[in-house]
Structure formats: structure tokens, C-alpha cells
Amino acid sequence: MVEMPKVLAINITMVFMSKVCAFLHPAIIAVLIQKTQVTLALVRGPGAWELKFRYDYTNIQSPFFTQAVNSFIPTKQSGGNYQAYTFGINWFTNTNMSVMGDYVFNYRDAGNSSGSGSFSSFGMRTQFEF
């Protein structure tokens, strides 16, 4: 049976690594990966899971988008508002492999221009580190 503190430590470590690696120095990343490998060696199980959510909002009615640039580029039409909701799950099978899936619901309120509506998308990828 897996002890609860070890499982929580793996989840926290893996979530930390997935969110911050882009901003860290390569030497620090190597240390984090080594520590995670040691932690994962202590526990036998299905790996670490991470749930994700993100909300995006863009107001395309701002003066930046609607004012004329010069005499050659006339006033642009209002673009309305854009919103996106992203739900995702990551599965870190071990320190060398992860499977990621994202579902995105997008909605555009076009305001005075045409093109209001929504669409959904699903993306999935597998990542190997060697």
C-alpha cells in the first residue's frame, strides 16, 4: 500500500516542475529531475496526475485595435470580446514520459461586426525525455 505523504510529495514536485521549468536555469532543472527520480523510486504506482484550468479574456474593442494608424490604414472595426476556457489533465508516468490532454472552449462576441460564435478543440500530446 502507498503511503499518502509520498504520493503528495510526488504530485507537488511534478506540478512544480511542470509550471516553472521554462523559467529556471538548466542546472537547477537537472537537480529537480534528480530529486524527483529519487522520490519516484520510493513509490510504485500509476504515476503523478495534474489537473489544469485556465481562463482567457481579450477585449478587442480597445482604442489600440479600433483607432486609425495613419491615412493608409483607416479606422478598424470593433472586434468584440474573446473568451476561452481550458481544462486539462497531465499524467506523468515516470520522470521520462508524460501524456497531456487539453479541452478548450472558445467564444467570441463580435460586437458590431459579424463573426460571433463558439468552437471547441481538443489537443493531446505525449512527451519523452531522453
N, C-alpha and C. Protein backbone atom coordinates (compact mmCIF):
# COMPACT_ATOMS: atom_id res chain seq x y z
N MET A 1 0.84 -1.18 0.00
CA MET A 1 0.00 0.00 0.00
C MET A 1 0.89 1.25 0.00
N VAL A 2 0.50 2.27 -0.76
CA VAL A 2 1.27 3.51 -0.88
C VAL A 2 0.95 4.42 0.29
N GLU A 3 1.99 4.99 0.88
CA GLU A 3 1.79 5.93 1.98
C GLU A 3 1.41 7.29 1.42
N MET A 4 0.44 7.94 2.01
CA MET A 4 -0.09 9.20 1.50
C MET A 4 0.94 10.32 1.38
N PRO A 5 1.80 10.58 2.36
CA PRO A 5 2.75 11.68 2.21
C PRO A 5 3.67 11.53 1.01
N LYS A 6 4.08 10.33 0.65
CA LYS A 6 4.94 10.14 -0.51
C LYS A 6 4.21 10.50 -1.80
N VAL A 7 2.95 10.11 -1.91
CA VAL A 7 2.17 10.42 -3.11
C VAL A 7 1.98 11.92 -3.23
N LEU A 8 1.67 12.61 -2.14
CA LEU A 8 1.51 14.06 -2.18
C LEU A 8 2.82 14.75 -2.55
N ALA A 9 3.93 14.25 -2.05
CA ALA A 9 5.22 14.85 -2.38
C ALA A 9 5.51 14.73 -3.87
N ILE A 10 5.16 13.61 -4.46
CA ILE A 10 5.38 13.43 -5.90
C ILE A 10 4.51 14.39 -6.69
N ASN A 11 3.24 14.49 -6.33
CA ASN A 11 2.35 15.38 -7.05
C ASN A 11 2.81 16.83 -6.96
N ILE A 12 3.19 17.26 -5.78
CA ILE A 12 3.64 18.64 -5.61
C ILE A 12 4.92 18.88 -6.40
N THR A 13 5.85 17.95 -6.35
CA THR A 13 7.10 18.09 -7.09
C THR A 13 6.84 18.15 -8.59
N MET A 14 6.01 17.27 -9.10
CA MET A 14 5.76 17.23 -10.53
C MET A 14 4.99 18.47 -10.99
N VAL A 15 4.01 18.93 -10.22
CA VAL A 15 3.29 20.14 -10.58
C VAL A 15 4.25 21.33 -10.59
N PHE A 16 5.11 21.40 -9.59
CA PHE A 16 6.09 22.49 -9.53
C PHE A 16 7.00 22.45 -10.76
N MET A 17 7.46 21.26 -11.11
CA MET A 17 8.37 21.16 -12.25
C MET A 17 7.68 21.54 -13.54
N SER A 18 6.43 21.15 -13.73
CA SER A 18 5.77 21.42 -15.00
C SER A 18 5.46 22.90 -15.16
N LYS A 19 5.26 23.64 -14.08
CA LYS A 19 4.90 25.05 -14.19
C LYS A 19 6.12 25.97 -14.26
N VAL A 20 7.24 25.60 -13.69
CA VAL A 20 8.33 26.53 -13.50
C VAL A 20 9.54 26.25 -14.38
N CYS A 21 9.63 25.10 -14.99
CA CYS A 21 10.84 24.72 -15.73
C CYS A 21 11.22 25.72 -16.81
N ALA A 22 10.25 26.37 -17.43
CA ALA A 22 10.57 27.30 -18.50
C ALA A 22 11.35 28.51 -18.00
N PHE A 23 11.28 28.81 -16.70
CA PHE A 23 11.93 29.99 -16.18
C PHE A 23 13.21 29.69 -15.40
N LEU A 24 13.58 28.42 -15.29
CA LEU A 24 14.73 28.04 -14.47
C LEU A 24 15.98 27.80 -15.30
N HIS A 25 17.11 27.95 -14.66
CA HIS A 25 18.41 27.66 -15.27
C HIS A 25 18.53 26.15 -15.46
N PRO A 26 19.16 25.67 -16.55
CA PRO A 26 19.28 24.22 -16.79
C PRO A 26 19.91 23.44 -15.64
N ALA A 27 20.85 24.03 -14.91
CA ALA A 27 21.47 23.32 -13.78
C ALA A 27 20.45 23.06 -12.67
N ILE A 28 19.57 24.03 -12.43
CA ILE A 28 18.53 23.85 -11.41
C ILE A 28 17.53 22.79 -11.85
N ILE A 29 17.19 22.77 -13.13
CA ILE A 29 16.26 21.76 -13.65
C ILE A 29 16.86 20.36 -13.46
N ALA A 30 18.16 20.21 -13.71
CA ALA A 30 18.80 18.90 -13.55
C ALA A 30 18.71 18.43 -12.10
N VAL A 31 18.89 19.33 -11.14
CA VAL A 31 18.79 18.97 -9.72
C VAL A 31 17.36 18.55 -9.39
N LEU A 32 16.37 19.30 -9.89
CA LEU A 32 14.97 18.95 -9.62
C LEU A 32 14.62 17.58 -10.21
N ILE A 33 15.11 17.29 -11.41
CA ILE A 33 14.82 16.00 -12.03
C ILE A 33 15.46 14.88 -11.22
N GLN A 34 16.69 15.07 -10.76
CA GLN A 34 17.34 14.04 -9.94
C GLN A 34 16.57 13.80 -8.65
N LYS A 35 16.10 14.86 -7.99
CA LYS A 35 15.34 14.70 -6.75
C LYS A 35 14.02 13.99 -7.02
N THR A 36 13.39 14.30 -8.14
CA THR A 36 12.12 13.65 -8.48
C THR A 36 12.34 12.17 -8.77
N GLN A 37 13.43 11.83 -9.45
CA GLN A 37 13.70 10.42 -9.73
C GLN A 37 13.88 9.64 -8.44
N VAL A 38 14.54 10.23 -7.46
CA VAL A 38 14.71 9.56 -6.17
C VAL A 38 13.35 9.37 -5.50
N THR A 39 12.52 10.41 -5.53
CA THR A 39 11.20 10.32 -4.91
C THR A 39 10.34 9.28 -5.61
N LEU A 40 10.36 9.26 -6.94
CA LEU A 40 9.54 8.29 -7.67
C LEU A 40 10.02 6.86 -7.43
N ALA A 41 11.30 6.68 -7.16
CA ALA A 41 11.81 5.34 -6.91
C ALA A 41 11.25 4.76 -5.61
N LEU A 42 10.81 5.62 -4.69
CA LEU A 42 10.29 5.15 -3.41
C LEU A 42 8.87 4.62 -3.52
N VAL A 43 8.14 4.99 -4.55
CA VAL A 43 6.72 4.67 -4.64
C VAL A 43 6.44 3.91 -5.93
N ARG A 44 5.72 2.83 -5.83
CA ARG A 44 5.26 2.10 -7.02
C ARG A 44 3.79 2.45 -7.21
N GLY A 45 3.42 2.89 -8.38
CA GLY A 45 2.04 3.28 -8.60
C GLY A 45 1.82 3.80 -10.01
N PRO A 46 0.67 4.40 -10.25
CA PRO A 46 0.32 4.83 -11.60
C PRO A 46 0.94 6.15 -12.02
N GLY A 47 1.83 6.74 -11.26
CA GLY A 47 2.45 8.00 -11.63
C GLY A 47 1.72 9.17 -10.99
N ALA A 48 2.11 10.37 -11.40
CA ALA A 48 1.53 11.59 -10.84
C ALA A 48 0.53 12.18 -11.82
N TRP A 49 -0.53 12.77 -11.29
CA TRP A 49 -1.58 13.39 -12.09
C TRP A 49 -1.64 14.88 -11.77
N GLU A 50 -1.96 15.68 -12.78
CA GLU A 50 -2.10 17.12 -12.60
C GLU A 50 -3.35 17.58 -13.34
N LEU A 51 -4.23 18.29 -12.64
CA LEU A 51 -5.40 18.89 -13.27
C LEU A 51 -5.11 20.35 -13.54
N LYS A 52 -5.59 20.85 -14.70
CA LYS A 52 -5.30 22.22 -15.09
C LYS A 52 -6.59 22.95 -15.46
N PHE A 53 -6.61 24.25 -15.23
CA PHE A 53 -7.69 25.11 -15.69
C PHE A 53 -7.10 26.48 -16.00
N ARG A 54 -7.58 27.08 -17.09
CA ARG A 54 -7.13 28.43 -17.45
C ARG A 54 -8.30 29.18 -18.07
N TYR A 55 -8.41 30.46 -17.75
CA TYR A 55 -9.43 31.33 -18.34
C TYR A 55 -8.72 32.47 -19.05
N ASP A 56 -9.09 32.72 -20.31
CA ASP A 56 -8.52 33.81 -21.09
C ASP A 56 -9.62 34.78 -21.48
N TYR A 57 -9.32 36.07 -21.42
CA TYR A 57 -10.26 37.10 -21.84
C TYR A 57 -9.48 38.17 -22.59
N THR A 58 -10.00 38.56 -23.76
CA THR A 58 -9.38 39.61 -24.55
C THR A 58 -10.46 40.58 -24.99
N ASN A 59 -10.27 41.86 -24.72
CA ASN A 59 -11.19 42.90 -25.15
C ASN A 59 -10.61 43.52 -26.41
N ILE A 60 -11.21 43.21 -27.54
CA ILE A 60 -10.69 43.70 -28.82
C ILE A 60 -11.38 45.01 -29.20
N GLN A 61 -12.10 45.62 -28.26
CA GLN A 61 -12.76 46.90 -28.50
C GLN A 61 -11.92 48.07 -28.03
N SER A 62 -10.74 47.82 -27.54
CA SER A 62 -9.91 48.90 -27.02
C SER A 62 -9.47 49.84 -28.15
N PRO A 63 -9.14 51.09 -27.83
CA PRO A 63 -8.69 52.04 -28.87
C PRO A 63 -7.47 51.55 -29.64
N PHE A 64 -6.65 50.73 -29.02
CA PHE A 64 -5.48 50.20 -29.72
C PHE A 64 -5.88 49.44 -30.98
N PHE A 65 -7.01 48.73 -30.91
CA PHE A 65 -7.46 47.94 -32.05
C PHE A 65 -8.39 48.70 -32.98
N THR A 66 -9.01 49.81 -32.53
CA THR A 66 -10.04 50.47 -33.34
C THR A 66 -9.62 51.82 -33.91
N GLN A 67 -8.55 52.44 -33.47
CA GLN A 67 -8.14 53.74 -34.00
C GLN A 67 -7.36 53.57 -35.30
N ALA A 68 -7.46 54.60 -36.13
CA ALA A 68 -6.71 54.59 -37.39
C ALA A 68 -5.22 54.73 -37.10
N VAL A 69 -4.41 54.02 -37.87
CA VAL A 69 -2.96 54.10 -37.69
C VAL A 69 -2.40 55.30 -38.44
N ASN A 70 -2.78 55.46 -39.69
CA ASN A 70 -2.38 56.61 -40.50
C ASN A 70 -3.36 56.73 -41.66
N SER A 71 -3.07 57.59 -42.63
CA SER A 71 -4.02 57.79 -43.73
C SER A 71 -4.14 56.55 -44.64
N PHE A 72 -3.14 55.70 -44.63
CA PHE A 72 -3.19 54.49 -45.45
C PHE A 72 -3.95 53.35 -44.78
N ILE A 73 -4.01 53.37 -43.44
CA ILE A 73 -4.73 52.33 -42.70
C ILE A 73 -5.89 53.00 -41.97
N PRO A 74 -7.10 52.92 -42.52
CA PRO A 74 -8.24 53.62 -41.91
C PRO A 74 -8.66 52.97 -40.59
N THR A 75 -9.67 53.59 -39.97
CA THR A 75 -10.19 53.08 -38.70
C THR A 75 -10.64 51.64 -38.85
N LYS A 76 -10.25 50.83 -37.91
CA LYS A 76 -10.62 49.42 -37.93
C LYS A 76 -11.94 49.23 -37.21
N GLN A 77 -12.66 48.17 -37.55
CA GLN A 77 -13.91 47.88 -36.86
C GLN A 77 -13.64 47.27 -35.50
N SER A 78 -14.64 47.39 -34.62
CA SER A 78 -14.54 46.78 -33.31
C SER A 78 -14.51 45.27 -33.44
N GLY A 79 -13.67 44.63 -32.68
CA GLY A 79 -13.57 43.18 -32.75
C GLY A 79 -14.38 42.45 -31.71
N GLY A 80 -14.93 43.15 -30.72
CA GLY A 80 -15.72 42.49 -29.69
C GLY A 80 -14.85 41.93 -28.57
N ASN A 81 -15.34 40.85 -27.96
CA ASN A 81 -14.64 40.20 -26.85
C ASN A 81 -14.37 38.74 -27.20
N TYR A 82 -13.29 38.23 -26.67
CA TYR A 82 -12.91 36.83 -26.88
C TYR A 82 -12.66 36.19 -25.52
N GLN A 83 -13.25 35.00 -25.31
CA GLN A 83 -13.05 34.27 -24.06
C GLN A 83 -12.70 32.82 -24.38
N ALA A 84 -11.87 32.24 -23.55
CA ALA A 84 -11.52 30.82 -23.72
C ALA A 84 -11.39 30.18 -22.34
N TYR A 85 -11.93 28.98 -22.22
CA TYR A 85 -11.82 28.18 -21.01
C TYR A 85 -11.04 26.92 -21.37
N THR A 86 -9.96 26.66 -20.67
CA THR A 86 -9.14 25.48 -20.94
C THR A 86 -9.17 24.56 -19.73
N PHE A 87 -9.48 23.30 -19.97
CA PHE A 87 -9.45 22.26 -18.95
C PHE A 87 -8.46 21.21 -19.42
N GLY A 88 -7.61 20.75 -18.54
CA GLY A 88 -6.62 19.78 -18.97
C GLY A 88 -6.22 18.83 -17.86
N ILE A 89 -5.58 17.77 -18.30
CA ILE A 89 -5.05 16.78 -17.36
C ILE A 89 -3.69 16.32 -17.89
N ASN A 90 -2.74 16.21 -16.99
CA ASN A 90 -1.41 15.69 -17.32
C ASN A 90 -1.18 14.42 -16.52
N TRP A 91 -0.57 13.45 -17.15
CA TRP A 91 -0.21 12.20 -16.46
C TRP A 91 1.28 12.01 -16.64
N PHE A 92 2.01 12.04 -15.54
CA PHE A 92 3.44 11.82 -15.54
C PHE A 92 3.67 10.37 -15.15
N THR A 93 3.88 9.50 -16.14
CA THR A 93 4.02 8.07 -15.86
C THR A 93 5.29 7.78 -15.07
N ASN A 94 6.35 8.48 -15.41
CA ASN A 94 7.62 8.42 -14.67
C ASN A 94 8.36 9.71 -14.99
N THR A 95 9.61 9.80 -14.63
CA THR A 95 10.34 11.05 -14.86
C THR A 95 10.69 11.28 -16.32
N ASN A 96 10.51 10.28 -17.18
CA ASN A 96 10.90 10.42 -18.58
C ASN A 96 9.72 10.53 -19.54
N MET A 97 8.50 10.31 -19.09
CA MET A 97 7.36 10.31 -20.01
C MET A 97 6.16 10.99 -19.37
N SER A 98 5.46 11.77 -20.19
CA SER A 98 4.21 12.38 -19.74
C SER A 98 3.21 12.39 -20.90
N VAL A 99 1.94 12.32 -20.55
CA VAL A 99 0.85 12.39 -21.51
C VAL A 99 -0.02 13.57 -21.09
N MET A 100 -0.33 14.46 -22.03
CA MET A 100 -1.07 15.67 -21.71
C MET A 100 -2.27 15.80 -22.62
N GLY A 101 -3.39 16.22 -22.06
CA GLY A 101 -4.60 16.45 -22.83
C GLY A 101 -5.26 17.74 -22.41
N ASP A 102 -5.75 18.52 -23.38
CA ASP A 102 -6.42 19.79 -23.11
C ASP A 102 -7.70 19.89 -23.92
N TYR A 103 -8.76 20.35 -23.27
CA TYR A 103 -10.02 20.69 -23.95
C TYR A 103 -10.19 22.19 -23.82
N VAL A 104 -10.45 22.87 -24.95
CA VAL A 104 -10.59 24.33 -24.94
C VAL A 104 -11.95 24.70 -25.53
N PHE A 105 -12.70 25.52 -24.79
CA PHE A 105 -13.95 26.08 -25.29
C PHE A 105 -13.71 27.56 -25.54
N ASN A 106 -13.89 28.01 -26.79
CA ASN A 106 -13.64 29.39 -27.19
C ASN A 106 -14.96 30.05 -27.55
N TYR A 107 -15.11 31.32 -27.16
CA TYR A 107 -16.30 32.07 -27.51
C TYR A 107 -15.90 33.48 -27.91
N ARG A 108 -16.48 33.96 -29.02
CA ARG A 108 -16.22 35.33 -29.48
C ARG A 108 -17.53 36.07 -29.61
N ASP A 109 -17.65 37.18 -28.90
CA ASP A 109 -18.77 38.11 -29.05
C ASP A 109 -18.25 39.23 -29.94
N ALA A 110 -18.69 39.26 -31.19
CA ALA A 110 -18.10 40.15 -32.18
C ALA A 110 -18.54 41.59 -32.04
N GLY A 111 -19.48 41.89 -31.17
CA GLY A 111 -19.91 43.28 -31.02
C GLY A 111 -20.63 43.76 -32.26
N ASN A 112 -20.15 44.85 -32.86
CA ASN A 112 -20.80 45.43 -34.04
C ASN A 112 -20.44 44.71 -35.33
N SER A 113 -19.40 43.94 -35.34
CA SER A 113 -19.00 43.24 -36.56
C SER A 113 -19.58 41.83 -36.57
N SER A 114 -19.50 41.17 -37.71
CA SER A 114 -20.03 39.81 -37.80
C SER A 114 -18.99 38.81 -37.32
N GLY A 115 -19.43 37.61 -37.03
CA GLY A 115 -18.49 36.56 -36.65
C GLY A 115 -18.60 36.09 -35.22
N SER A 116 -19.72 36.37 -34.54
CA SER A 116 -19.89 35.85 -33.18
C SER A 116 -20.07 34.35 -33.24
N GLY A 117 -19.67 33.67 -32.18
CA GLY A 117 -19.88 32.23 -32.13
C GLY A 117 -18.87 31.56 -31.22
N SER A 118 -18.95 30.25 -31.19
CA SER A 118 -18.06 29.49 -30.32
C SER A 118 -17.55 28.26 -31.06
N PHE A 119 -16.47 27.73 -30.56
CA PHE A 119 -15.97 26.46 -31.06
C PHE A 119 -15.16 25.79 -29.96
N SER A 120 -15.02 24.50 -30.07
CA SER A 120 -14.27 23.71 -29.09
C SER A 120 -13.14 22.99 -29.78
N SER A 121 -12.10 22.70 -29.02
CA SER A 121 -10.99 21.93 -29.57
C SER A 121 -10.42 21.02 -28.49
N PHE A 122 -9.79 19.95 -28.93
CA PHE A 122 -9.14 19.01 -28.02
C PHE A 122 -7.75 18.73 -28.56
N GLY A 123 -6.78 18.82 -27.70
CA GLY A 123 -5.41 18.54 -28.09
C GLY A 123 -4.78 17.55 -27.13
N MET A 124 -3.92 16.71 -27.67
CA MET A 124 -3.26 15.71 -26.83
C MET A 124 -1.84 15.53 -27.33
N ARG A 125 -0.91 15.32 -26.40
CA ARG A 125 0.47 15.06 -26.80
C ARG A 125 1.14 14.14 -25.80
N THR A 126 2.15 13.47 -26.27
CA THR A 126 2.98 12.62 -25.43
C THR A 126 4.39 13.17 -25.49
N GLN A 127 5.05 13.21 -24.37
CA GLN A 127 6.38 13.79 -24.30
C GLN A 127 7.35 12.79 -23.69
N PHE A 128 8.45 12.55 -24.40
CA PHE A 128 9.50 11.66 -23.92
C PHE A 128 10.75 12.48 -23.65
N GLU A 129 11.41 12.21 -22.56
CA GLU A 129 12.67 12.88 -22.24
C GLU A 129 13.76 11.83 -22.19
N PHE A 130 14.80 12.04 -22.99
CA PHE A 130 15.90 11.07 -23.00
C PHE A 130 17.22 11.78 -23.11
